[in-house]
Amino acid sequence: MPGGLGSSDHSARIRQLEHLVKEYKAELESHSRDSRDIEEKIAKGQGLVKQSVLDEAQSQITSLQHQITSFESTLSELQNANTTLDAEINDLMRRVASGEYNPKSERVIEFQNNPAAKIMAVRNQVLEDLRKENEALLRSGGGGGGEGSVPRESWERLCKEKEELEKGHAKRLMRLKEVSSGVSTHRRCHRWS
């Protein structure tokens, strides 16, 4: 056969095509079986997700998306408020640094029992007392009030310190008596039992 294939080539080609057709039929049969199995499972409500579960999941997704949107808007509002407060703080710090703050017209709010304010008040009082005492000492030193004389401010400060020490001593003594009476009562109870 001129320009054509030989019979052996034809028969090989035919065998090859027949083999491919068999593989194709087997593949189709496998897919057909799988689709029948899936159809049976769907009919029985097995295998794939039930519509009720799918609807519930879809409603949860929608709810979560609404919550995310709500949270994002809240976050945006809080970030805007934070930016505004930062700007206000910077403005107030600039005003304080430049000396604009006037305690007569503006007040700083602080806690009633602020420990830092209490400590500062005690320090200021001690500083004021020492200034008065120092002034009195300078006056008495220059005025020649006598060699053994003590300025009134120094005397008052020493008396005040003495009273505080005596009160502290009395409290410690009373506590010591309470503890010792408690220990002796405890010992008496254990002796009789």
C-alpha atoms as a PDB file:
ATOM      1  CA  MET A   1       0.000   0.000   0.000  1.00  0.00           C
ATOM      2  CA  PRO A   2       1.629   3.064  -1.209  1.00  0.00           C
ATOM      3  CA  GLY A   3       1.198   6.155   1.007  1.00  0.00           C
ATOM      4  CA  GLY A   4      -0.666   4.151   3.632  1.00  0.00           C
ATOM      5  CA  LEU A   5       0.014   2.058   6.639  1.00  0.00           C
ATOM      6  CA  GLY A   6       0.650  -1.629   6.624  1.00  0.00           C
ATOM      7  CA  SER A   7      -1.816  -4.151   7.984  1.00  0.00           C
ATOM      8  CA  SER A   8       0.368  -4.827  10.995  1.00  0.00           C
ATOM      9  CA  ASP A   9       0.339  -1.112  11.790  1.00  0.00           C
ATOM     10  CA  HIS A  10      -3.459  -1.064  11.452  1.00  0.00           C
ATOM     11  CA  SER A  11      -3.934  -4.007  13.726  1.00  0.00           C
ATOM     12  CA  ALA A  12      -1.586  -2.490  16.351  1.00  0.00           C
ATOM     13  CA  ARG A  13      -3.458   0.783  16.124  1.00  0.00           C
ATOM     14  CA  ILE A  14      -6.807  -1.025  16.475  1.00  0.00           C
ATOM     15  CA  ARG A  15      -5.588  -2.966  19.509  1.00  0.00           C
ATOM     16  CA  GLN A  16      -4.385   0.258  21.053  1.00  0.00           C
ATOM     17  CA  LEU A  17      -7.724   1.951  20.414  1.00  0.00           C
ATOM     18  CA  GLU A  18      -9.641  -1.027  21.789  1.00  0.00           C
ATOM     19  CA  HIS A  19      -7.500  -0.919  24.910  1.00  0.00           C
ATOM     20  CA  LEU A  20      -8.194   2.811  25.328  1.00  0.00           C
ATOM     21  CA  VAL A  21     -11.953   2.205  24.874  1.00  0.00           C
ATOM     22  CA  LYS A  22     -11.864  -0.471  27.629  1.00  0.00           C
ATOM     23  CA  GLU A  23     -10.053   1.927  30.005  1.00  0.00           C
ATOM     24  CA  TYR A  24     -12.560   4.672  29.164  1.00  0.00           C
ATOM     25  CA  LYS A  25     -15.527   2.334  29.844  1.00  0.00           C
ATOM     26  CA  ALA A  26     -14.006   1.253  33.179  1.00  0.00           C
ATOM     27  CA  GLU A  27     -13.493   4.892  34.153  1.00  0.00           C
ATOM     28  CA  LEU A  28     -17.086   5.751  33.174  1.00  0.00           C
ATOM     29  CA  GLU A  29     -18.391   2.779  35.158  1.00  0.00           C
ATOM     30  CA  SER A  30     -16.392   3.926  38.217  1.00  0.00           C
ATOM     31  CA  HIS A  31     -17.795   7.462  37.954  1.00  0.00           C
ATOM     32  CA  SER A  32     -21.287   6.123  37.433  1.00  0.00           C
ATOM     33  CA  ARG A  33     -20.957   3.966  40.573  1.00  0.00           C
ATOM     34  CA  ASP A  34     -19.650   6.925  42.589  1.00  0.00           C
ATOM     35  CA  SER A  35     -22.497   9.162  41.419  1.00  0.00           C
ATOM     36  CA  ARG A  36     -25.078   6.479  42.298  1.00  0.00           C
ATOM     37  CA  ASP A  37     -23.550   6.125  45.771  1.00  0.00           C
ATOM     38  CA  ILE A  38     -23.665   9.884  46.290  1.00  0.00           C
ATOM     39  CA  GLU A  39     -27.281  10.051  45.068  1.00  0.00           C
ATOM     40  CA  GLU A  40     -28.248   7.305  47.514  1.00  0.00           C
ATOM     41  CA  LYS A  41     -26.521   9.087  50.378  1.00  0.00           C
ATOM     42  CA  ILE A  42     -28.237  12.348  49.496  1.00  0.00           C
ATOM     43  CA  ALA A  43     -31.578  10.571  49.392  1.00  0.00           C
ATOM     44  CA  LYS A  44     -30.927   9.093  52.823  1.00  0.00           C
ATOM     45  CA  GLY A  45     -29.554  12.396  54.179  1.00  0.00           C
ATOM     46  CA  GLN A  46     -26.087  10.964  54.663  1.00  0.00           C
ATOM     47  CA  GLY A  47     -22.659  11.808  53.392  1.00  0.00           C
ATOM     48  CA  LEU A  48     -23.040  15.401  52.368  1.00  0.00           C
ATOM     49  CA  VAL A  49     -24.131  18.231  54.648  1.00  0.00           C
ATOM     50  CA  LYS A  50     -27.839  18.464  55.391  1.00  0.00           C
ATOM     51  CA  GLN A  51     -29.610  21.599  54.242  1.00  0.00           C
ATOM     52  CA  SER A  52     -30.642  22.515  57.801  1.00  0.00           C
ATOM     53  CA  VAL A  53     -27.013  22.389  58.976  1.00  0.00           C
ATOM     54  CA  LEU A  54     -25.957  24.392  55.930  1.00  0.00           C
ATOM     55  CA  ASP A  55     -28.644  27.017  56.615  1.00  0.00           C
ATOM     56  CA  GLU A  56     -27.621  27.244  60.269  1.00  0.00           C
ATOM     57  CA  ALA A  57     -23.973  27.664  59.329  1.00  0.00           C
ATOM     58  CA  GLN A  58     -24.914  30.317  56.795  1.00  0.00           C
ATOM     59  CA  SER A  59     -26.914  32.237  59.433  1.00  0.00           C
ATOM     60  CA  GLN A  60     -23.962  32.023  61.841  1.00  0.00           C
ATOM     61  CA  ILE A  61     -21.654  33.349  59.143  1.00  0.00           C
ATOM     62  CA  THR A  62     -24.014  36.260  58.501  1.00  0.00           C
ATOM     63  CA  SER A  63     -24.249  36.967  62.233  1.00  0.00           C
ATOM     64  CA  LEU A  64     -20.468  36.886  62.598  1.00  0.00           C
ATOM     65  CA  GLN A  65     -20.061  39.207  59.615  1.00  0.00           C
ATOM     66  CA  HIS A  66     -22.466  41.686  61.252  1.00  0.00           C
ATOM     67  CA  GLN A  67     -20.493  41.431  64.516  1.00  0.00           C
ATOM     68  CA  ILE A  68     -17.236  42.028  62.656  1.00  0.00           C
ATOM     69  CA  THR A  69     -18.726  45.096  61.002  1.00  0.00           C
ATOM     70  CA  SER A  70     -19.977  46.342  64.376  1.00  0.00           C
ATOM     71  CA  PHE A  71     -16.600  45.739  66.015  1.00  0.00           C
ATOM     72  CA  GLU A  72     -14.777  47.463  63.183  1.00  0.00           C
ATOM     73  CA  SER A  73     -17.003  50.533  63.512  1.00  0.00           C
ATOM     74  CA  THR A  74     -16.505  50.550  67.305  1.00  0.00           C
ATOM     75  CA  LEU A  75     -12.752  50.206  66.799  1.00  0.00           C
ATOM     76  CA  SER A  76     -12.798  53.087  64.343  1.00  0.00           C
ATOM     77  CA  GLU A  77     -14.742  55.262  66.804  1.00  0.00           C
ATOM     78  CA  LEU A  78     -12.348  54.398  69.644  1.00  0.00           C
ATOM     79  CA  GLN A  79      -9.321  55.127  67.473  1.00  0.00           C
ATOM     80  CA  ASN A  80     -10.812  58.501  66.550  1.00  0.00           C
ATOM     81  CA  ALA A  81     -11.501  59.246  70.230  1.00  0.00           C
ATOM     82  CA  ASN A  82      -7.960  58.168  71.115  1.00  0.00           C
ATOM     83  CA  THR A  83      -6.536  60.465  68.440  1.00  0.00           C
ATOM     84  CA  THR A  84      -8.635  63.334  69.766  1.00  0.00           C
ATOM     85  CA  LEU A  85      -7.515  62.680  73.351  1.00  0.00           C
ATOM     86  CA  ASP A  86      -3.871  62.460  72.270  1.00  0.00           C
ATOM     87  CA  ALA A  87      -4.197  65.816  70.542  1.00  0.00           C
ATOM     88  CA  GLU A  88      -5.833  67.294  73.646  1.00  0.00           C
ATOM     89  CA  ILE A  89      -3.105  65.899  75.897  1.00  0.00           C
ATOM     90  CA  ASN A  90      -0.408  67.330  73.636  1.00  0.00           C
ATOM     91  CA  ASP A  91      -2.154  70.699  73.658  1.00  0.00           C
ATOM     92  CA  LEU A  92      -2.447  70.678  77.462  1.00  0.00           C
ATOM     93  CA  MET A  93       1.185  69.633  77.869  1.00  0.00           C
ATOM     94  CA  ARG A  94       2.215  72.473  75.565  1.00  0.00           C
ATOM     95  CA  ARG A  95       0.131  74.900  77.623  1.00  0.00           C
ATOM     96  CA  VAL A  96       1.651  73.709  80.893  1.00  0.00           C
ATOM     97  CA  ALA A  97       5.169  73.836  79.447  1.00  0.00           C
ATOM     98  CA  SER A  98       4.639  77.361  78.145  1.00  0.00           C
ATOM     99  CA  GLY A  99       3.245  78.545  81.486  1.00  0.00           C
ATOM    100  CA  GLU A 100      -0.332  79.050  80.304  1.00  0.00           C
ATOM    101  CA  TYR A 101      -1.773  76.960  83.141  1.00  0.00           C
ATOM    102  CA  ASN A 102      -3.331  79.260  85.730  1.00  0.00           C
ATOM    103  CA  PRO A 103      -4.315  77.516  88.981  1.00  0.00           C
ATOM    104  CA  LYS A 104      -6.711  80.350  89.830  1.00  0.00           C
ATOM    105  CA  SER A 105      -8.900  79.737  86.797  1.00  0.00           C
ATOM    106  CA  GLU A 106      -8.231  76.030  86.124  1.00  0.00           C
ATOM    107  CA  ARG A 107      -8.315  73.070  88.457  1.00  0.00           C
ATOM    108  CA  VAL A 108      -6.576  69.747  88.252  1.00  0.00           C
ATOM    109  CA  ILE A 109      -8.774  66.930  89.472  1.00  0.00           C
ATOM    110  CA  GLU A 110      -7.102  64.320  91.661  1.00  0.00           C
ATOM    111  CA  PHE A 111      -8.190  61.549  93.982  1.00  0.00           C
ATOM    112  CA  GLN A 112      -9.205  62.495  97.498  1.00  0.00           C
ATOM    113  CA  ASN A 113      -6.801  60.120  99.229  1.00  0.00           C
ATOM    114  CA  ASN A 114      -3.984  60.534  96.766  1.00  0.00           C
ATOM    115  CA  PRO A 115      -0.821  59.220  98.493  1.00  0.00           C
ATOM    116  CA  ALA A 116       1.454  61.407  96.380  1.00  0.00           C
ATOM    117  CA  ALA A 117      -0.523  64.515  97.329  1.00  0.00           C
ATOM    118  CA  LYS A 118      -0.391  63.570 101.039  1.00  0.00           C
ATOM    119  CA  ILE A 119       3.375  63.083 100.890  1.00  0.00           C
ATOM    120  CA  MET A 120       3.765  66.381  99.047  1.00  0.00           C
ATOM    121  CA  ALA A 121       1.600  68.167 101.629  1.00  0.00           C
ATOM    122  CA  VAL A 122       3.742  66.778 104.475  1.00  0.00           C
ATOM    123  CA  ARG A 123       6.909  67.812 102.661  1.00  0.00           C
ATOM    124  CA  ASN A 124       5.564  71.306 102.029  1.00  0.00           C
ATOM    125  CA  GLN A 125       4.550  71.658 105.689  1.00  0.00           C
ATOM    126  CA  VAL A 126       7.975  70.505 106.896  1.00  0.00           C
ATOM    127  CA  LEU A 127       9.659  72.870 104.444  1.00  0.00           C
ATOM    128  CA  GLU A 128       7.507  75.798 105.608  1.00  0.00           C
ATOM    129  CA  ASP A 129       8.214  74.978 109.270  1.00  0.00           C
ATOM    130  CA  LEU A 130      11.946  74.826 108.564  1.00  0.00           C
ATOM    131  CA  ARG A 131      11.825  78.169 106.767  1.00  0.00           C
ATOM    132  CA  LYS A 132      10.089  79.793 109.732  1.00  0.00           C
ATOM    133  CA  GLU A 133      12.556  78.236 112.138  1.00  0.00           C
ATOM    134  CA  ASN A 134      15.482  79.338 109.976  1.00  0.00           C
ATOM    135  CA  GLU A 135      14.183  82.901 109.850  1.00  0.00           C
ATOM    136  CA  ALA A 136      13.748  82.914 113.620  1.00  0.00           C
ATOM    137  CA  LEU A 137      17.260  81.561 114.116  1.00  0.00           C
ATOM    138  CA  LEU A 138      18.664  84.257 111.833  1.00  0.00           C
ATOM    139  CA  ARG A 139      16.757  86.926 113.731  1.00  0.00           C
ATOM    140  CA  SER A 140      17.815  85.641 117.119  1.00  0.00           C
ATOM    141  CA  GLY A 141      21.425  85.180 116.030  1.00  0.00           C
ATOM    142  CA  GLY A 142      21.644  88.778 114.839  1.00  0.00           C
ATOM    143  CA  GLY A 143      19.572  90.242 117.645  1.00  0.00           C
ATOM    144  CA  GLY A 144      21.613  88.796 120.497  1.00  0.00           C
ATOM    145  CA  GLY A 145      18.655  87.239 122.291  1.00  0.00           C
ATOM    146  CA  GLY A 146      20.974  85.566 124.735  1.00  0.00           C
ATOM    147  CA  GLU A 147      23.278  82.618 124.587  1.00  0.00           C
ATOM    148  CA  GLY A 148      20.846  80.002 125.889  1.00  0.00           C
ATOM    149  CA  SER A 149      17.717  81.271 124.163  1.00  0.00           C
ATOM    150  CA  VAL A 150      15.934  79.127 121.565  1.00  0.00           C
ATOM    151  CA  PRO A 151      13.618  80.647 118.937  1.00  0.00           C
ATOM    152  CA  ARG A 152       9.933  80.032 119.510  1.00  0.00           C
ATOM    153  CA  GLU A 153       9.523  78.187 116.155  1.00  0.00           C
ATOM    154  CA  SER A 154      12.290  75.717 117.054  1.00  0.00           C
ATOM    155  CA  TRP A 155      10.754  75.154 120.482  1.00  0.00           C
ATOM    156  CA  GLU A 156       7.292  74.536 118.970  1.00  0.00           C
ATOM    157  CA  ARG A 157       8.714  72.105 116.400  1.00  0.00           C
ATOM    158  CA  LEU A 158      10.579  70.180 119.089  1.00  0.00           C
ATOM    159  CA  CYS A 159       7.463  70.034 121.295  1.00  0.00           C
ATOM    160  CA  LYS A 160       5.426  68.772 118.367  1.00  0.00           C
ATOM    161  CA  GLU A 161       7.996  66.067 117.599  1.00  0.00           C
ATOM    162  CA  LYS A 162       8.074  65.066 121.271  1.00  0.00           C
ATOM    163  CA  GLU A 163       4.255  64.711 121.341  1.00  0.00           C
ATOM    164  CA  GLU A 164       4.314  62.545 118.210  1.00  0.00           C
ATOM    165  CA  LEU A 165       7.035  60.329 119.662  1.00  0.00           C
ATOM    166  CA  GLU A 166       5.124  59.981 122.946  1.00  0.00           C
ATOM    167  CA  LYS A 167       1.925  59.029 121.088  1.00  0.00           C
ATOM    168  CA  GLY A 168       3.831  56.420 119.071  1.00  0.00           C
ATOM    169  CA  HIS A 169       5.446  55.086 122.239  1.00  0.00           C
ATOM    170  CA  ALA A 170       2.064  54.866 123.992  1.00  0.00           C
ATOM    171  CA  LYS A 171       0.568  52.963 121.046  1.00  0.00           C
ATOM    172  CA  ARG A 172       3.459  50.486 120.970  1.00  0.00           C
ATOM    173  CA  LEU A 173       3.263  50.009 124.729  1.00  0.00           C
ATOM    174  CA  MET A 174      -0.488  49.359 124.580  1.00  0.00           C
ATOM    175  CA  ARG A 175      -0.020  46.851 121.758  1.00  0.00           C
ATOM    176  CA  LEU A 176       2.733  45.118 123.714  1.00  0.00           C
ATOM    177  CA  LYS A 177       0.394  44.831 126.738  1.00  0.00           C
ATOM    178  CA  GLU A 178      -2.359  43.389 124.544  1.00  0.00           C
ATOM    179  CA  VAL A 179      -0.017  40.805 123.080  1.00  0.00           C
ATOM    180  CA  SER A 180       1.451  39.832 126.427  1.00  0.00           C
ATOM    181  CA  SER A 181      -2.011  39.464 128.010  1.00  0.00           C
ATOM    182  CA  GLY A 182      -3.079  37.328 125.037  1.00  0.00           C
ATOM    183  CA  VAL A 183      -0.001  35.112 125.425  1.00  0.00           C
ATOM    184  CA  SER A 184      -0.540  34.684 129.168  1.00  0.00           C
ATOM    185  CA  THR A 185      -4.232  33.815 128.621  1.00  0.00           C
ATOM    186  CA  HIS A 186      -3.164  31.313 125.986  1.00  0.00           C
ATOM    187  CA  ARG A 187      -0.638  29.729 128.397  1.00  0.00           C
ATOM    188  CA  ARG A 188      -3.228  29.511 131.203  1.00  0.00           C
ATOM    189  CA  CYS A 189      -5.679  27.795 128.893  1.00  0.00           C
ATOM    190  CA  HIS A 190      -3.089  25.213 127.864  1.00  0.00           C
ATOM    191  CA  ARG A 191      -1.988  24.515 131.452  1.00  0.00           C
ATOM    192  CA  TRP A 192      -5.507  23.588 132.547  1.00  0.00           C
ATOM    193  CA  SER A 193      -6.292  21.415 129.578  1.00  0.00           C
END
